[in-house]
Amino acid sequence: MRQGNSGKWALPTLITLCSIALGKPVLSFTAVMGEISISGTMIKVDNLADTLQVALDCGAKKVLLPQTSVVDLGTVPPDLMSSFNLIFYQSAEDAMFKALGVE
């Protein structure tokens, strides 16, 4: 779950572990993006437009993004952004609930 010595945790990995532990699958066609620091700070997605393009190419319809990535939405082409239902989360717990459909 930890990537090298960066002090960051991949949020999709955490959600996968929660999904397994709870026996509840992640919502269909959902991509979860983001990282969390060891101290609990949500880290915005690097290269948001490129990352969303990869999600589209993989068939994602819903994308969970950290609230910290809102500042980069202007870098995403409108046609790419309109391809998704963008769902923003504030914390790892919030992302987990939304990814598992437990809002």
C-alpha atoms as a PDB file:
ATOM      1  CA  MET A   1       0.000   0.000   0.000  1.00  0.00           C
ATOM      2  CA  ARG A   2       2.863   2.373   0.632  1.00  0.00           C
ATOM      3  CA  GLN A   3       4.794   3.596  -2.380  1.00  0.00           C
ATOM      4  CA  GLY A   4       8.509   3.629  -1.597  1.00  0.00           C
ATOM      5  CA  ASN A   5       9.575   6.105   1.050  1.00  0.00           C
ATOM      6  CA  SER A   6       7.287   8.865  -0.174  1.00  0.00           C
ATOM      7  CA  GLY A   7       5.109   8.950   2.939  1.00  0.00           C
ATOM      8  CA  LYS A   8       1.983   8.553   0.761  1.00  0.00           C
ATOM      9  CA  TRP A   9      -0.616   5.811   0.649  1.00  0.00           C
ATOM     10  CA  ALA A  10      -2.527   4.920  -2.512  1.00  0.00           C
ATOM     11  CA  LEU A  11      -6.190   5.476  -1.709  1.00  0.00           C
ATOM     12  CA  PRO A  12      -7.467   2.917  -4.249  1.00  0.00           C
ATOM     13  CA  THR A  13      -5.475   0.236  -2.425  1.00  0.00           C
ATOM     14  CA  LEU A  14      -7.029   1.200   0.910  1.00  0.00           C
ATOM     15  CA  ILE A  15     -10.511   1.096  -0.624  1.00  0.00           C
ATOM     16  CA  THR A  16      -9.796  -2.322  -2.135  1.00  0.00           C
ATOM     17  CA  LEU A  17      -8.800  -3.686   1.265  1.00  0.00           C
ATOM     18  CA  CYS A  18     -11.966  -2.237   2.835  1.00  0.00           C
ATOM     19  CA  SER A  19     -14.053  -3.715   0.022  1.00  0.00           C
ATOM     20  CA  ILE A  20     -12.585  -7.166   0.674  1.00  0.00           C
ATOM     21  CA  ALA A  21     -12.965  -6.877   4.445  1.00  0.00           C
ATOM     22  CA  LEU A  22     -16.599  -5.774   4.187  1.00  0.00           C
ATOM     23  CA  GLY A  23     -17.508  -8.108   1.323  1.00  0.00           C
ATOM     24  CA  LYS A  24     -18.920  -5.118  -0.576  1.00  0.00           C
ATOM     25  CA  PRO A  25     -17.702  -4.435  -4.124  1.00  0.00           C
ATOM     26  CA  VAL A  26     -16.682  -1.039  -5.434  1.00  0.00           C
ATOM     27  CA  LEU A  27     -19.416   0.490  -7.620  1.00  0.00           C
ATOM     28  CA  SER A  28     -19.246  -0.596 -11.263  1.00  0.00           C
ATOM     29  CA  PHE A  29     -17.282   1.517 -13.738  1.00  0.00           C
ATOM     30  CA  THR A  30     -15.803   3.602 -10.908  1.00  0.00           C
ATOM     31  CA  ALA A  31     -12.227   4.879 -10.842  1.00  0.00           C
ATOM     32  CA  VAL A  32     -10.794   6.055  -7.538  1.00  0.00           C
ATOM     33  CA  MET A  33      -7.955   8.546  -7.741  1.00  0.00           C
ATOM     34  CA  GLY A  34      -5.799  10.145  -5.138  1.00  0.00           C
ATOM     35  CA  GLU A  35      -3.329   9.597  -2.381  1.00  0.00           C
ATOM     36  CA  ILE A  36      -3.303  10.316   1.300  1.00  0.00           C
ATOM     37  CA  SER A  37      -0.285  11.352   3.330  1.00  0.00           C
ATOM     38  CA  ILE A  38       0.624   9.445   6.465  1.00  0.00           C
ATOM     39  CA  SER A  39      -0.710  12.422   8.450  1.00  0.00           C
ATOM     40  CA  GLY A  40      -4.108  12.120   6.703  1.00  0.00           C
ATOM     41  CA  THR A  41      -3.827  14.997   4.206  1.00  0.00           C
ATOM     42  CA  MET A  42      -5.517  14.379   0.857  1.00  0.00           C
ATOM     43  CA  ILE A  43      -3.089  14.914  -2.037  1.00  0.00           C
ATOM     44  CA  LYS A  44      -4.359  16.245  -5.364  1.00  0.00           C
ATOM     45  CA  VAL A  45      -4.010  14.146  -8.506  1.00  0.00           C
ATOM     46  CA  ASP A  46      -0.960  14.964 -10.622  1.00  0.00           C
ATOM     47  CA  ASN A  47      -1.582  15.527 -14.347  1.00  0.00           C
ATOM     48  CA  LEU A  48      -5.344  15.433 -13.893  1.00  0.00           C
ATOM     49  CA  ALA A  49      -6.241  15.632 -17.603  1.00  0.00           C
ATOM     50  CA  ASP A  50      -3.922  12.751 -18.512  1.00  0.00           C
ATOM     51  CA  THR A  51      -5.143  10.681 -15.596  1.00  0.00           C
ATOM     52  CA  LEU A  52      -8.778  11.228 -16.573  1.00  0.00           C
ATOM     53  CA  GLN A  53      -7.978  10.254 -20.161  1.00  0.00           C
ATOM     54  CA  VAL A  54      -6.577   6.937 -18.926  1.00  0.00           C
ATOM     55  CA  ALA A  55      -9.722   6.409 -16.829  1.00  0.00           C
ATOM     56  CA  LEU A  56     -11.887   7.060 -19.898  1.00  0.00           C
ATOM     57  CA  ASP A  57      -9.810   4.680 -22.005  1.00  0.00           C
ATOM     58  CA  CYS A  58     -10.346   2.005 -19.324  1.00  0.00           C
ATOM     59  CA  GLY A  59     -14.123   2.444 -19.363  1.00  0.00           C
ATOM     60  CA  ALA A  60     -14.699   4.458 -16.187  1.00  0.00           C
ATOM     61  CA  LYS A  61     -18.025   6.295 -15.934  1.00  0.00           C
ATOM     62  CA  LYS A  62     -17.641   7.615 -12.385  1.00  0.00           C
ATOM     63  CA  VAL A  63     -14.441   9.113 -11.027  1.00  0.00           C
ATOM     64  CA  LEU A  64     -13.779   9.795  -7.378  1.00  0.00           C
ATOM     65  CA  LEU A  65     -11.372  12.700  -6.932  1.00  0.00           C
ATOM     66  CA  PRO A  66      -9.995  14.389  -3.843  1.00  0.00           C
ATOM     67  CA  GLN A  67     -11.473  17.837  -3.202  1.00  0.00           C
ATOM     68  CA  THR A  68      -7.903  19.168  -3.481  1.00  0.00           C
ATOM     69  CA  SER A  69      -7.971  18.439  -7.237  1.00  0.00           C
ATOM     70  CA  VAL A  70     -10.783  20.945  -7.906  1.00  0.00           C
ATOM     71  CA  VAL A  71      -8.147  23.634  -8.593  1.00  0.00           C
ATOM     72  CA  ASP A  72      -6.919  21.671 -11.634  1.00  0.00           C
ATOM     73  CA  LEU A  73     -10.295  21.139 -13.333  1.00  0.00           C
ATOM     74  CA  GLY A  74      -9.549  24.074 -15.655  1.00  0.00           C
ATOM     75  CA  THR A  75      -6.749  22.017 -17.233  1.00  0.00           C
ATOM     76  CA  VAL A  76      -9.179  19.301 -18.327  1.00  0.00           C
ATOM     77  CA  PRO A  77     -10.797  19.642 -21.779  1.00  0.00           C
ATOM     78  CA  PRO A  78     -14.586  20.080 -21.441  1.00  0.00           C
ATOM     79  CA  ASP A  79     -15.374  17.065 -23.649  1.00  0.00           C
ATOM     80  CA  LEU A  80     -13.219  14.845 -21.424  1.00  0.00           C
ATOM     81  CA  MET A  81     -14.742  16.191 -18.223  1.00  0.00           C
ATOM     82  CA  SER A  82     -18.279  15.676 -19.541  1.00  0.00           C
ATOM     83  CA  SER A  83     -17.506  11.978 -20.060  1.00  0.00           C
ATOM     84  CA  PHE A  84     -17.701  11.308 -16.318  1.00  0.00           C
ATOM     85  CA  ASN A  85     -19.788  11.698 -13.239  1.00  0.00           C
ATOM     86  CA  LEU A  86     -17.129  13.383 -11.077  1.00  0.00           C
ATOM     87  CA  ILE A  87     -17.544  12.727  -7.367  1.00  0.00           C
ATOM     88  CA  PHE A  88     -15.372  14.620  -4.914  1.00  0.00           C
ATOM     89  CA  TYR A  89     -14.325  13.379  -1.499  1.00  0.00           C
ATOM     90  CA  GLN A  90     -12.849  15.143   1.521  1.00  0.00           C
ATOM     91  CA  SER A  91     -11.210  12.251   3.368  1.00  0.00           C
ATOM     92  CA  ALA A  92     -10.228   8.619   2.941  1.00  0.00           C
ATOM     93  CA  GLU A  93     -13.327   7.582   4.875  1.00  0.00           C
ATOM     94  CA  ASP A  94     -15.550   9.730   2.633  1.00  0.00           C
ATOM     95  CA  ALA A  95     -13.944   8.183  -0.480  1.00  0.00           C
ATOM     96  CA  MET A  96     -14.466   4.666   0.852  1.00  0.00           C
ATOM     97  CA  PHE A  97     -18.158   5.264   1.543  1.00  0.00           C
ATOM     98  CA  LYS A  98     -18.690   6.785  -1.895  1.00  0.00           C
ATOM     99  CA  ALA A  99     -16.712   4.053  -3.714  1.00  0.00           C
ATOM    100  CA  LEU A 100     -18.711   1.326  -1.985  1.00  0.00           C
ATOM    101  CA  GLY A 101     -22.035   3.135  -2.450  1.00  0.00           C
ATOM    102  CA  VAL A 102     -22.636   3.598   1.271  1.00  0.00           C
ATOM    103  CA  GLU A 103     -23.334   7.337   1.214  1.00  0.00           C
END
